[in-house]
C-alpha atoms as a PDB file:
ATOM      1  CA  MET A   1       6.526   4.179   8.226  1.00  0.00           C
ATOM      2  CA  HIS A   2      10.323   4.302   8.677  1.00  0.00           C
ATOM      3  CA  ALA A   3      13.024   4.828   6.165  1.00  0.00           C
ATOM      4  CA  PRO A   4      16.331   2.827   6.264  1.00  0.00           C
ATOM      5  CA  ASN A   5      18.017   5.949   7.410  1.00  0.00           C
ATOM      6  CA  GLY A   6      15.619   6.207  10.425  1.00  0.00           C
ATOM      7  CA  GLN A   7      13.559   9.002   9.055  1.00  0.00           C
ATOM      8  CA  ASP A   8       9.903   8.759  10.129  1.00  0.00           C
ATOM      9  CA  PHE A   9       7.060   9.236   7.646  1.00  0.00           C
ATOM     10  CA  HIS A  10       3.712   9.859   9.321  1.00  0.00           C
ATOM     11  CA  ASN A  11       0.727   8.455   7.439  1.00  0.00           C
ATOM     12  CA  THR A  12      -2.991   8.726   8.017  1.00  0.00           C
ATOM     13  CA  CYS A  13      -5.429   6.385   6.336  1.00  0.00           C
ATOM     14  CA  VAL A  14      -9.228   6.213   6.536  1.00  0.00           C
ATOM     15  CA  PHE A  15     -10.695   2.857   5.647  1.00  0.00           C
ATOM     16  CA  LYS A  16     -13.821   3.339   3.411  1.00  0.00           C
ATOM     17  CA  ARG A  17     -14.672  -0.332   2.699  1.00  0.00           C
ATOM     18  CA  ILE A  18     -13.552  -3.585   4.256  1.00  0.00           C
ATOM     19  CA  GLU A  19     -15.008  -6.764   2.790  1.00  0.00           C
ATOM     20  CA  PRO A  20     -13.263  -9.706   4.444  1.00  0.00           C
ATOM     21  CA  PRO A  21     -11.503 -11.589   3.155  1.00  0.00           C
ATOM     22  CA  SER A  22     -11.156 -10.155  -0.304  1.00  0.00           C
ATOM     23  CA  TYR A  23     -11.295  -6.299  -0.513  1.00  0.00           C
ATOM     24  CA  LEU A  24     -10.004  -3.174   1.140  1.00  0.00           C
ATOM     25  CA  GLU A  25     -10.445   0.448   0.102  1.00  0.00           C
ATOM     26  CA  PHE A  26      -8.895   3.333   1.913  1.00  0.00           C
ATOM     27  CA  ASP A  27      -7.887   7.004   1.493  1.00  0.00           C
ATOM     28  CA  HIS A  28      -4.308   7.842   2.185  1.00  0.00           C
ATOM     29  CA  LEU A  29      -4.496  11.387   3.622  1.00  0.00           C
ATOM     30  CA  LYS A  30      -0.923  12.672   3.515  1.00  0.00           C
ATOM     31  CA  GLU A  31      -0.759  16.261   2.252  1.00  0.00           C
ATOM     32  CA  MET A  32       0.525  16.384  -1.377  1.00  0.00           C
ATOM     33  CA  HIS A  33       0.424  12.614  -1.433  1.00  0.00           C
ATOM     34  CA  PHE A  34      -3.235  11.896  -1.334  1.00  0.00           C
ATOM     35  CA  TYR A  35      -4.464   8.729  -3.043  1.00  0.00           C
ATOM     36  CA  LYS A  36      -7.282   6.224  -2.878  1.00  0.00           C
ATOM     37  CA  ALA A  37      -6.142   2.583  -2.521  1.00  0.00           C
ATOM     38  CA  LEU A  38      -8.137  -0.408  -3.750  1.00  0.00           C
ATOM     39  CA  VAL A  39      -6.743  -3.674  -2.635  1.00  0.00           C
ATOM     40  CA  THR A  40      -8.047  -7.128  -3.615  1.00  0.00           C
ATOM     41  CA  PHE A  41      -6.991 -10.556  -2.270  1.00  0.00           C
ATOM     42  CA  ALA A  42      -7.597 -13.796  -4.105  1.00  0.00           C
ATOM     43  CA  GLU A  43      -6.704 -17.305  -3.178  1.00  0.00           C
ATOM     44  CA  VAL A  44      -4.278 -19.037  -5.516  1.00  0.00           C
ATOM     45  CA  PRO A  45      -2.771 -22.459  -5.336  1.00  0.00           C
ATOM     46  CA  ASP A  46       0.479 -21.321  -3.662  1.00  0.00           C
ATOM     47  CA  GLY A  47      -1.024 -18.648  -1.413  1.00  0.00           C
ATOM     48  CA  THR A  48      -2.686 -15.286  -1.985  1.00  0.00           C
ATOM     49  CA  CYS A  49      -2.671 -12.964  -5.072  1.00  0.00           C
ATOM     50  CA  LEU A  50      -2.774  -9.349  -3.943  1.00  0.00           C
ATOM     51  CA  GLU A  51      -3.645  -6.553  -6.382  1.00  0.00           C
ATOM     52  CA  TRP A  52      -3.001  -2.977  -5.223  1.00  0.00           C
ATOM     53  CA  THR A  53      -4.289   0.008  -7.128  1.00  0.00           C
ATOM     54  CA  MET A  54      -3.492   3.571  -6.191  1.00  0.00           C
ATOM     55  CA  ARG A  55      -5.767   6.357  -7.729  1.00  0.00           C
ATOM     56  CA  PHE A  56      -4.457   9.922  -7.605  1.00  0.00           C
ATOM     57  CA  ASN A  57      -6.593  12.957  -8.296  1.00  0.00           C
ATOM     58  CA  THR A  58      -4.200  14.381 -10.834  1.00  0.00           C
ATOM     59  CA  PRO A  59      -0.986  13.315 -12.556  1.00  0.00           C
ATOM     60  CA  GLU A  60       0.746  16.195 -10.765  1.00  0.00           C
ATOM     61  CA  GLU A  61       0.022  14.469  -7.403  1.00  0.00           C
ATOM     62  CA  LEU A  62       1.610  11.229  -8.532  1.00  0.00           C
ATOM     63  CA  ALA A  63       4.639  12.905 -10.231  1.00  0.00           C
ATOM     64  CA  PRO A  64       6.839  13.551  -7.071  1.00  0.00           C
ATOM     65  CA  ILE A  65       6.596   9.925  -5.915  1.00  0.00           C
ATOM     66  CA  ARG A  66       6.401   8.030  -9.148  1.00  0.00           C
ATOM     67  CA  SER A  67      10.123   7.240  -9.247  1.00  0.00           C
ATOM     68  CA  PHE A  68      10.055   5.301  -6.009  1.00  0.00           C
ATOM     69  CA  ILE A  69       6.530   4.333  -5.108  1.00  0.00           C
ATOM     70  CA  GLU A  70       6.521   0.854  -6.852  1.00  0.00           C
ATOM     71  CA  ALA A  71       9.728  -0.213  -5.143  1.00  0.00           C
ATOM     72  CA  ALA A  72       8.489   1.202  -1.746  1.00  0.00           C
ATOM     73  CA  ASN A  73       5.245  -0.724  -2.032  1.00  0.00           C
ATOM     74  CA  GLU A  74       7.100  -3.900  -3.001  1.00  0.00           C
ATOM     75  CA  GLU A  75       9.367  -3.532   0.064  1.00  0.00           C
ATOM     76  CA  ASN A  76       6.256  -3.104   2.369  1.00  0.00           C
ATOM     77  CA  LEU A  77       4.520  -6.081   0.828  1.00  0.00           C
ATOM     78  CA  ASP A  78       7.720  -8.234   1.127  1.00  0.00           C
ATOM     79  CA  LYS A  79       7.759  -7.275   4.833  1.00  0.00           C
ATOM     80  CA  LEU A  80       4.116  -8.296   5.171  1.00  0.00           C
ATOM     81  CA  GLU A  81       4.801 -11.549   3.495  1.00  0.00           C
ATOM     82  CA  GLN A  82       7.628 -12.309   5.945  1.00  0.00           C
ATOM     83  CA  ILE A  83       5.301 -11.568   8.926  1.00  0.00           C
ATOM     84  CA  CYS A  84       2.492 -13.641   7.452  1.00  0.00           C
ATOM     85  CA  THR A  85       4.732 -16.675   6.823  1.00  0.00           C
ATOM     86  CA  GLY A  86       6.582 -16.443  10.077  1.00  0.00           C
ATOM     87  CA  ARG A  87       9.877 -15.478   8.471  1.00  0.00           C
ATOM     88  CA  SER A  88      10.285 -12.156  10.174  1.00  0.00           C
END
């Protein structure tokens, strides 16, 4: 992942479950930023509804990123939407 200022963020994820076309589960293994992601996809009239849940082991693990994680995830999902719809 790359920040707008060019800083690189190295991420490692291990996929635990993949159930096409509706479910992904993976562990995000960045030190001091570990979480389990559960992602569901459901067909809706205008496209796809995506639900993304992040489970942290403790509130303390979430605290350092809580202020920006929602906006960062929205930005990443907006980029994915642009790619999937051919607008990138």
